[in-house]
C-alpha atoms as a PDB file:
ATOM      1  CA  MET A   1      23.859  77.363 -17.726  1.00  0.00           C
ATOM      2  CA  LEU A   2      20.717  75.276 -17.745  1.00  0.00           C
ATOM      3  CA  LEU A   3      20.717  71.757 -19.154  1.00  0.00           C
ATOM      4  CA  ASP A   4      17.620  70.369 -20.780  1.00  0.00           C
ATOM      5  CA  LEU A   5      17.352  66.764 -19.523  1.00  0.00           C
ATOM      6  CA  GLY A   6      14.022  66.017 -21.111  1.00  0.00           C
ATOM      7  CA  PRO A   7      10.828  64.962 -19.397  1.00  0.00           C
ATOM      8  CA  VAL A   8      11.087  63.704 -15.843  1.00  0.00           C
ATOM      9  CA  ARG A   9      10.556  59.934 -15.676  1.00  0.00           C
ATOM     10  CA  LYS A  10       8.552  58.355 -12.916  1.00  0.00           C
ATOM     11  CA  PRO A  11      10.304  55.642 -10.887  1.00  0.00           C
ATOM     12  CA  ALA A  12       9.553  52.128 -12.148  1.00  0.00           C
ATOM     13  CA  ARG A  13       7.103  50.113 -10.083  1.00  0.00           C
ATOM     14  CA  ILE A  14       7.574  46.405  -9.608  1.00  0.00           C
ATOM     15  CA  SER A  15       4.454  44.517 -10.584  1.00  0.00           C
ATOM     16  CA  LEU A  16       3.488  41.619  -8.309  1.00  0.00           C
ATOM     17  CA  THR A  17       1.361  39.863 -10.923  1.00  0.00           C
ATOM     18  CA  PRO A  18       4.206  37.808 -12.492  1.00  0.00           C
ATOM     19  CA  LEU A  19       5.494  36.919  -9.035  1.00  0.00           C
ATOM     20  CA  ILE A  20       2.072  35.605  -7.984  1.00  0.00           C
ATOM     21  CA  ASP A  21       1.834  33.618 -11.235  1.00  0.00           C
ATOM     22  CA  VAL A  22       5.180  31.955 -10.548  1.00  0.00           C
ATOM     23  CA  VAL A  23       4.184  31.135  -6.965  1.00  0.00           C
ATOM     24  CA  PHE A  24       0.932  29.503  -8.116  1.00  0.00           C
ATOM     25  CA  ILE A  25       2.736  27.508 -10.797  1.00  0.00           C
ATOM     26  CA  LEU A  26       5.244  26.237  -8.204  1.00  0.00           C
ATOM     27  CA  LEU A  27       2.414  25.394  -5.804  1.00  0.00           C
ATOM     28  CA  LEU A  28       0.592  23.485  -8.522  1.00  0.00           C
ATOM     29  CA  PHE A  29       3.762  21.631  -9.502  1.00  0.00           C
ATOM     30  CA  PHE A  30       4.509  20.508  -5.941  1.00  0.00           C
ATOM     31  CA  MET A  31       0.906  19.497  -5.305  1.00  0.00           C
ATOM     32  CA  LEU A  32       0.793  17.336  -8.429  1.00  0.00           C
ATOM     33  CA  SER A  33       4.234  15.802  -8.029  1.00  0.00           C
ATOM     34  CA  SER A  34       3.963  14.847  -4.369  1.00  0.00           C
ATOM     35  CA  SER A  35       2.289  11.728  -3.106  1.00  0.00           C
ATOM     36  CA  PHE A  36      -0.356  11.856  -0.414  1.00  0.00           C
ATOM     37  CA  SER A  37      -0.774   8.125   0.095  1.00  0.00           C
ATOM     38  CA  GLN A  38      -0.718   6.874   3.644  1.00  0.00           C
ATOM     39  CA  TRP A  39       1.890   4.288   4.489  1.00  0.00           C
ATOM     40  CA  ARG A  40       1.032   1.708   7.064  1.00  0.00           C
ATOM     41  CA  GLN A  41       2.821  -1.156   8.673  1.00  0.00           C
ATOM     42  CA  LEU A  42       1.640  -4.753   8.550  1.00  0.00           C
ATOM     43  CA  ASP A  43       2.215  -7.019  11.493  1.00  0.00           C
ATOM     44  CA  LEU A  44       3.432 -10.120   9.657  1.00  0.00           C
ATOM     45  CA  PRO A  45       5.665 -12.378  11.757  1.00  0.00           C
ATOM     46  CA  ILE A  46       7.995 -14.761   9.957  1.00  0.00           C
ATOM     47  CA  PRO A  47       8.134 -18.195  11.610  1.00  0.00           C
ATOM     48  CA  SER A  48      11.469 -19.481  12.790  1.00  0.00           C
ATOM     49  CA  ALA A  49      12.597 -23.089  12.968  1.00  0.00           C
ATOM     50  CA  ALA A  50      13.372 -22.852  16.683  1.00  0.00           C
ATOM     51  CA  LYS A  51       9.915 -21.587  17.569  1.00  0.00           C
ATOM     52  CA  THR A  52       7.341 -24.342  17.979  1.00  0.00           C
ATOM     53  CA  ASP A  53       3.693 -23.605  18.502  1.00  0.00           C
ATOM     54  CA  ALA A  54       1.113 -26.111  19.721  1.00  0.00           C
ATOM     55  CA  ARG A  55      -1.667 -24.397  17.774  1.00  0.00           C
ATOM     56  CA  GLU A  56      -2.908 -25.734  14.486  1.00  0.00           C
ATOM     57  CA  VAL A  57      -1.594 -23.872  11.443  1.00  0.00           C
ATOM     58  CA  ASN A  58      -3.928 -23.531   8.465  1.00  0.00           C
ATOM     59  CA  VAL A  59      -1.910 -23.199   5.277  1.00  0.00           C
ATOM     60  CA  VAL A  60      -3.228 -20.566   2.879  1.00  0.00           C
ATOM     61  CA  ARG A  61      -1.655 -20.779  -0.573  1.00  0.00           C
ATOM     62  CA  LEU A  62      -1.714 -17.646  -2.713  1.00  0.00           C
ATOM     63  CA  LEU A  63      -1.756 -19.035  -6.238  1.00  0.00           C
ATOM     64  CA  ASP A  64      -1.725 -15.975  -8.536  1.00  0.00           C
ATOM     65  CA  ASN A  65      -1.981 -12.192  -8.695  1.00  0.00           C
ATOM     66  CA  ASP A  66      -5.758 -12.321  -9.264  1.00  0.00           C
ATOM     67  CA  GLY A  67      -6.369 -13.349  -5.642  1.00  0.00           C
ATOM     68  CA  SER A  68      -6.933 -17.087  -6.091  1.00  0.00           C
ATOM     69  CA  ILE A  69      -6.130 -18.910  -2.879  1.00  0.00           C
ATOM     70  CA  SER A  70      -6.283 -22.443  -1.593  1.00  0.00           C
ATOM     71  CA  ILE A  71      -7.069 -23.290   2.044  1.00  0.00           C
ATOM     72  CA  ASP A  72      -6.750 -27.014   2.735  1.00  0.00           C
ATOM     73  CA  ASP A  73      -7.384 -27.831  -0.956  1.00  0.00           C
ATOM     74  CA  GLU A  74     -10.483 -25.602  -1.081  1.00  0.00           C
ATOM     75  CA  GLN A  75     -10.243 -23.045  -3.917  1.00  0.00           C
ATOM     76  CA  LEU A  76     -11.401 -19.512  -3.041  1.00  0.00           C
ATOM     77  CA  ASN A  77     -10.879 -15.918  -4.068  1.00  0.00           C
ATOM     78  CA  ILE A  78      -9.905 -13.240  -1.563  1.00  0.00           C
ATOM     79  CA  ARG A  79     -12.842 -11.099  -2.721  1.00  0.00           C
ATOM     80  CA  SER A  80     -15.456 -13.800  -2.131  1.00  0.00           C
ATOM     81  CA  ALA A  81     -17.863 -13.626   0.792  1.00  0.00           C
ATOM     82  CA  ARG A  82     -17.159 -17.278   1.565  1.00  0.00           C
ATOM     83  CA  LEU A  83     -13.667 -16.402   2.861  1.00  0.00           C
ATOM     84  CA  GLY A  84     -15.131 -15.106   6.125  1.00  0.00           C
ATOM     85  CA  GLN A  85     -17.026 -18.368   6.681  1.00  0.00           C
ATOM     86  CA  VAL A  86     -13.940 -20.473   5.954  1.00  0.00           C
ATOM     87  CA  VAL A  87     -11.775 -18.421   8.328  1.00  0.00           C
ATOM     88  CA  ALA A  88     -14.416 -18.554  11.079  1.00  0.00           C
ATOM     89  CA  ALA A  89     -14.685 -22.352  10.742  1.00  0.00           C
ATOM     90  CA  ARG A  90     -10.951 -22.899  11.330  1.00  0.00           C
ATOM     91  CA  GLN A  91      -9.099 -22.507  14.611  1.00  0.00           C
ATOM     92  CA  GLY A  92      -5.454 -21.540  15.001  1.00  0.00           C
ATOM     93  CA  ALA A  93      -3.024 -19.497  12.981  1.00  0.00           C
ATOM     94  CA  PHE A  94      -2.969 -18.956   9.238  1.00  0.00           C
ATOM     95  CA  GLY A  95       0.340 -19.461   7.468  1.00  0.00           C
ATOM     96  CA  ILE A  96       0.646 -17.931   4.010  1.00  0.00           C
ATOM     97  CA  ASP A  97       2.504 -19.824   1.319  1.00  0.00           C
ATOM     98  CA  VAL A  98       3.084 -17.839  -1.877  1.00  0.00           C
ATOM     99  CA  ALA A  99       3.475 -19.249  -5.374  1.00  0.00           C
ATOM    100  CA  GLU A 100       6.449 -18.155  -7.399  1.00  0.00           C
ATOM    101  CA  GLY A 101       5.879 -15.018  -9.484  1.00  0.00           C
ATOM    102  CA  VAL A 102       3.179 -13.503  -7.265  1.00  0.00           C
ATOM    103  CA  ASN A 103       3.796  -9.830  -6.527  1.00  0.00           C
ATOM    104  CA  THR A 104       3.974  -8.252  -3.096  1.00  0.00           C
ATOM    105  CA  GLN A 105       0.765  -6.257  -3.527  1.00  0.00           C
ATOM    106  CA  SER A 106      -1.226  -9.487  -3.903  1.00  0.00           C
ATOM    107  CA  LEU A 107       0.325 -10.763  -0.684  1.00  0.00           C
ATOM    108  CA  VAL A 108      -0.663  -7.567   1.132  1.00  0.00           C
ATOM    109  CA  ARG A 109      -4.229  -7.878  -0.212  1.00  0.00           C
ATOM    110  CA  LEU A 110      -4.398 -11.458   1.097  1.00  0.00           C
ATOM    111  CA  VAL A 111      -3.164 -10.447   4.556  1.00  0.00           C
ATOM    112  CA  ASP A 112      -5.744  -7.625   4.660  1.00  0.00           C
ATOM    113  CA  ALA A 113      -8.516  -9.967   3.524  1.00  0.00           C
ATOM    114  CA  LEU A 114      -7.616 -12.556   6.169  1.00  0.00           C
ATOM    115  CA  LYS A 115      -7.493  -9.928   8.915  1.00  0.00           C
ATOM    116  CA  GLN A 116     -10.865  -8.504   7.825  1.00  0.00           C
ATOM    117  CA  ALA A 117     -12.337 -12.011   7.727  1.00  0.00           C
ATOM    118  CA  GLY A 118     -11.430 -12.491  11.384  1.00  0.00           C
ATOM    119  CA  ALA A 119      -8.066 -14.258  11.363  1.00  0.00           C
ATOM    120  CA  GLU A 120      -6.222 -13.358  14.546  1.00  0.00           C
ATOM    121  CA  SER A 121      -2.783 -14.704  13.687  1.00  0.00           C
ATOM    122  CA  VAL A 122      -1.365 -14.489  10.159  1.00  0.00           C
ATOM    123  CA  SER A 123       2.195 -15.523   9.344  1.00  0.00           C
ATOM    124  CA  LEU A 124       4.323 -15.757   6.211  1.00  0.00           C
ATOM    125  CA  GLY A 125       5.325 -19.357   5.504  1.00  0.00           C
ATOM    126  CA  GLY A 126       7.394 -19.710   2.350  1.00  0.00           C
ATOM    127  CA  VAL A 127       7.335 -20.156  -1.405  1.00  0.00           C
ATOM    128  CA  LEU A 128       5.566 -22.935  -3.290  1.00  0.00           C
ATOM    129  CA  PRO A 129       7.705 -25.090  -5.588  1.00  0.00           C
END
């Protein structure tokens, strides 16, 4: 006895197109959600009370988040070209004193500006009243 099973079906093929779409979407997601910023370390020694240094310390006061600073009662901005002249005219270390409410990014900008202006020794001093 012969059974009529109907037309013979071809085996199903798996299409790779949806798989490739999913892989590209995942790649795009991970590329956009990850951060590619470079982290770097700042050499910023904190002075101790037991350590005494015979060098002169120039106090740099960071007054606000806009980059206003005061070096020996001379008002400057960290983006001004005059900062390099002021740093070159002074000998010794530079101690940073930060006003209350100033964020850390402004402090990092000041340290970078002092290093680029030629300051060899930069140290964190304290907080202004």
